[in-house]
N, C-alpha and C. Protein backbone atom coordinates (compact mmCIF):
# COMPACT_ATOMS: atom_id res chain seq x y z
N UNK A 1 -15.14 26.14 25.23
CA UNK A 1 -13.69 26.05 25.25
C UNK A 1 -13.24 25.22 24.05
N UNK A 2 -12.42 25.80 23.17
CA UNK A 2 -11.98 25.08 21.98
C UNK A 2 -11.05 23.92 22.35
N UNK A 3 -11.18 22.84 21.61
CA UNK A 3 -10.36 21.67 21.89
C UNK A 3 -8.99 21.83 21.25
N UNK A 4 -8.10 20.95 21.64
CA UNK A 4 -6.74 20.97 21.08
C UNK A 4 -6.80 20.66 19.59
N UNK A 5 -7.70 19.76 19.21
CA UNK A 5 -7.83 19.40 17.80
C UNK A 5 -8.22 20.61 16.96
N UNK A 6 -9.21 21.37 17.40
CA UNK A 6 -9.65 22.54 16.61
C UNK A 6 -8.55 23.59 16.54
N UNK A 7 -7.81 23.78 17.64
CA UNK A 7 -6.70 24.73 17.60
C UNK A 7 -5.62 24.27 16.63
N UNK A 8 -5.36 22.96 16.59
CA UNK A 8 -4.36 22.41 15.69
C UNK A 8 -4.78 22.59 14.23
N UNK A 9 -6.05 22.38 13.96
CA UNK A 9 -6.56 22.55 12.60
C UNK A 9 -6.46 24.01 12.18
N UNK A 10 -6.82 24.92 13.06
CA UNK A 10 -6.72 26.35 12.75
C UNK A 10 -5.28 26.74 12.46
N UNK A 11 -4.34 26.25 13.26
CA UNK A 11 -2.93 26.56 13.07
C UNK A 11 -2.44 26.00 11.74
N UNK A 12 -2.84 24.79 11.41
CA UNK A 12 -2.44 24.17 10.15
C UNK A 12 -2.97 24.97 8.96
N UNK A 13 -4.21 25.43 9.04
CA UNK A 13 -4.78 26.23 7.95
C UNK A 13 -4.03 27.54 7.80
N UNK A 14 -3.67 28.18 8.91
CA UNK A 14 -2.93 29.44 8.85
C UNK A 14 -1.55 29.23 8.23
N UNK A 15 -0.88 28.16 8.61
CA UNK A 15 0.46 27.90 8.08
C UNK A 15 0.39 27.62 6.58
N UNK A 16 -0.59 26.82 6.16
CA UNK A 16 -0.70 26.48 4.74
C UNK A 16 -1.10 27.67 3.89
N UNK A 17 -1.81 28.63 4.45
CA UNK A 17 -2.23 29.80 3.70
C UNK A 17 -1.25 30.96 3.78
N UNK A 18 -0.17 30.81 4.52
CA UNK A 18 0.80 31.90 4.65
C UNK A 18 1.57 32.06 3.34
N UNK A 19 2.03 33.28 3.06
CA UNK A 19 2.78 33.50 1.81
C UNK A 19 4.08 32.70 1.76
N UNK A 20 4.68 32.40 2.89
CA UNK A 20 5.93 31.65 2.89
C UNK A 20 5.71 30.20 2.46
N UNK A 21 4.49 29.68 2.58
CA UNK A 21 4.21 28.30 2.23
C UNK A 21 3.99 28.11 0.72
N UNK A 22 3.83 29.20 -0.01
CA UNK A 22 3.60 29.10 -1.45
C UNK A 22 4.94 28.92 -2.17
N UNK A 23 5.12 27.80 -2.87
CA UNK A 23 6.40 27.58 -3.56
C UNK A 23 6.51 28.45 -4.80
N UNK A 24 7.68 28.90 -5.06
CA UNK A 24 7.96 29.70 -6.24
C UNK A 24 8.77 28.85 -7.21
N UNK A 25 8.18 27.77 -7.69
CA UNK A 25 8.89 26.85 -8.56
C UNK A 25 7.94 26.33 -9.63
N UNK A 26 8.51 25.65 -10.60
CA UNK A 26 7.71 25.03 -11.66
C UNK A 26 8.37 23.72 -12.03
N UNK A 27 7.62 22.89 -12.72
CA UNK A 27 8.17 21.63 -13.20
C UNK A 27 8.51 21.78 -14.68
N UNK A 28 9.77 21.65 -14.99
CA UNK A 28 10.16 21.68 -16.39
C UNK A 28 9.96 20.29 -16.99
N UNK A 29 10.03 20.16 -18.30
CA UNK A 29 9.78 18.85 -18.92
C UNK A 29 10.70 17.74 -18.41
N UNK A 30 11.92 18.08 -18.06
CA UNK A 30 12.84 17.07 -17.54
C UNK A 30 12.38 16.51 -16.21
N UNK A 31 11.89 17.38 -15.33
CA UNK A 31 11.39 16.92 -14.03
C UNK A 31 10.13 16.09 -14.19
N UNK A 32 9.24 16.51 -15.06
CA UNK A 32 8.01 15.76 -15.29
C UNK A 32 8.27 14.38 -15.84
N UNK A 33 9.20 14.28 -16.79
CA UNK A 33 9.50 12.97 -17.36
C UNK A 33 10.20 12.08 -16.34
N UNK A 34 11.00 12.67 -15.45
CA UNK A 34 11.67 11.89 -14.40
C UNK A 34 10.64 11.32 -13.42
N UNK A 35 9.66 12.12 -13.05
CA UNK A 35 8.60 11.65 -12.14
C UNK A 35 7.79 10.55 -12.82
N UNK A 36 7.48 10.72 -14.11
CA UNK A 36 6.75 9.70 -14.85
C UNK A 36 7.56 8.40 -14.93
N UNK A 37 8.86 8.51 -15.13
CA UNK A 37 9.73 7.34 -15.20
C UNK A 37 9.75 6.60 -13.86
N UNK A 38 9.79 7.32 -12.76
CA UNK A 38 9.77 6.70 -11.43
C UNK A 38 8.46 5.95 -11.21
N UNK A 39 7.34 6.57 -11.58
CA UNK A 39 6.03 5.92 -11.41
C UNK A 39 5.92 4.65 -12.24
N UNK A 40 6.34 4.72 -13.50
CA UNK A 40 6.26 3.55 -14.37
C UNK A 40 7.19 2.44 -13.89
N UNK A 41 8.39 2.79 -13.46
CA UNK A 41 9.33 1.78 -12.96
C UNK A 41 8.79 1.12 -11.69
N UNK A 42 8.11 1.89 -10.86
CA UNK A 42 7.51 1.33 -9.65
C UNK A 42 6.42 0.32 -10.00
N UNK A 43 5.57 0.67 -10.95
CA UNK A 43 4.51 -0.25 -11.38
C UNK A 43 5.08 -1.53 -11.98
N UNK A 44 6.11 -1.40 -12.81
CA UNK A 44 6.73 -2.58 -13.40
C UNK A 44 7.38 -3.43 -12.32
N UNK A 45 8.04 -2.81 -11.36
CA UNK A 45 8.67 -3.55 -10.27
C UNK A 45 7.67 -4.30 -9.42
N UNK A 46 6.55 -3.66 -9.13
CA UNK A 46 5.49 -4.33 -8.35
C UNK A 46 4.94 -5.51 -9.14
N UNK A 47 4.71 -5.32 -10.43
CA UNK A 47 4.22 -6.41 -11.28
C UNK A 47 5.20 -7.57 -11.33
N UNK A 48 6.49 -7.27 -11.46
CA UNK A 48 7.50 -8.32 -11.50
C UNK A 48 7.55 -9.08 -10.17
N UNK A 49 7.48 -8.36 -9.06
CA UNK A 49 7.51 -9.01 -7.75
C UNK A 49 6.30 -9.92 -7.57
N UNK A 50 5.12 -9.46 -7.96
CA UNK A 50 3.92 -10.29 -7.86
C UNK A 50 4.05 -11.54 -8.73
N UNK A 51 4.54 -11.36 -9.94
CA UNK A 51 4.69 -12.50 -10.84
C UNK A 51 5.72 -13.49 -10.30
N UNK A 52 6.79 -12.99 -9.70
CA UNK A 52 7.83 -13.87 -9.18
C UNK A 52 7.36 -14.68 -7.99
N UNK A 53 6.57 -14.09 -7.12
CA UNK A 53 6.16 -14.76 -5.90
C UNK A 53 4.75 -15.33 -5.96
N UNK A 54 4.06 -15.21 -7.09
CA UNK A 54 2.68 -15.67 -7.20
C UNK A 54 2.58 -17.17 -6.93
N UNK A 55 3.47 -17.95 -7.51
CA UNK A 55 3.44 -19.40 -7.31
C UNK A 55 3.65 -19.78 -5.86
N UNK A 56 4.55 -19.09 -5.18
CA UNK A 56 4.79 -19.38 -3.76
C UNK A 56 3.57 -19.04 -2.92
N UNK A 57 2.94 -17.91 -3.23
CA UNK A 57 1.75 -17.52 -2.48
C UNK A 57 0.61 -18.50 -2.68
N UNK A 58 0.40 -18.91 -3.92
CA UNK A 58 -0.67 -19.87 -4.21
C UNK A 58 -0.35 -21.21 -3.55
N UNK A 59 0.93 -21.62 -3.58
CA UNK A 59 1.32 -22.87 -2.94
C UNK A 59 1.06 -22.86 -1.45
N UNK A 60 1.32 -21.73 -0.79
CA UNK A 60 1.06 -21.63 0.64
C UNK A 60 -0.43 -21.73 0.93
N UNK A 61 -1.24 -21.07 0.11
CA UNK A 61 -2.68 -21.09 0.33
C UNK A 61 -3.22 -22.50 0.09
N UNK A 62 -2.78 -23.14 -0.97
CA UNK A 62 -3.26 -24.49 -1.27
C UNK A 62 -2.80 -25.49 -0.21
N UNK A 63 -1.56 -25.34 0.24
CA UNK A 63 -1.03 -26.26 1.25
C UNK A 63 -1.79 -26.10 2.56
N UNK A 64 -2.05 -24.86 2.94
CA UNK A 64 -2.80 -24.60 4.17
C UNK A 64 -4.22 -25.12 4.04
N UNK A 65 -4.84 -24.91 2.89
CA UNK A 65 -6.20 -25.38 2.68
C UNK A 65 -6.27 -26.90 2.68
N UNK A 66 -5.29 -27.57 2.08
CA UNK A 66 -5.31 -29.03 2.05
C UNK A 66 -5.04 -29.61 3.43
N UNK A 67 -4.23 -28.94 4.25
CA UNK A 67 -4.00 -29.39 5.62
C UNK A 67 -5.28 -29.32 6.44
N UNK A 68 -6.06 -28.26 6.26
CA UNK A 68 -7.31 -28.11 6.99
C UNK A 68 -8.31 -29.19 6.56
N UNK A 69 -8.36 -29.50 5.26
CA UNK A 69 -9.27 -30.53 4.77
C UNK A 69 -8.87 -31.89 5.32
N UNK A 70 -7.57 -32.15 5.40
CA UNK A 70 -7.07 -33.42 5.92
C UNK A 70 -7.45 -33.56 7.39
N UNK A 71 -7.31 -32.49 8.16
CA UNK A 71 -7.68 -32.51 9.57
C UNK A 71 -9.17 -32.79 9.74
N UNK A 72 -10.00 -32.19 8.89
CA UNK A 72 -11.44 -32.41 8.97
C UNK A 72 -11.78 -33.85 8.61
N UNK A 73 -11.09 -34.40 7.60
CA UNK A 73 -11.34 -35.80 7.21
C UNK A 73 -10.95 -36.74 8.35
N UNK A 74 -9.85 -36.45 9.03
CA UNK A 74 -9.42 -37.28 10.15
C UNK A 74 -10.45 -37.24 11.28
N UNK A 75 -11.01 -36.04 11.54
CA UNK A 75 -12.00 -35.91 12.59
C UNK A 75 -13.27 -36.71 12.26
N UNK A 76 -13.67 -36.69 10.97
CA UNK A 76 -14.86 -37.44 10.57
C UNK A 76 -14.64 -38.94 10.72
N UNK A 77 -13.44 -39.41 10.40
CA UNK A 77 -13.15 -40.84 10.52
C UNK A 77 -13.14 -41.26 12.00
N UNK A 78 -12.69 -40.39 12.90
CA UNK A 78 -12.65 -40.70 14.32
C UNK A 78 -14.06 -40.83 14.90
N UNK A 79 -15.00 -40.04 14.37
CA UNK A 79 -16.37 -40.08 14.89
C UNK A 79 -17.09 -41.35 14.49
N UNK A 80 -16.72 -41.97 13.38
CA UNK A 80 -17.40 -43.18 12.91
C UNK A 80 -16.96 -44.34 13.67
């Protein structure tokens, strides 16, 4: 007895191979350059965001790490 998953995969393959699923379009140079511009702007935006928040992220990590070290030092002093 075929499972629901195998039936779903078969249906998906049939739909993707149907003639109606084949697009009748092309990318002209204007569309290609627009897609390239979006990709480059996204990369620059991600880089700018990382650069802007890098100091805050490092500060949080250092602050958390120094708090843990302080707690461990306090515990060692209590044992003595």
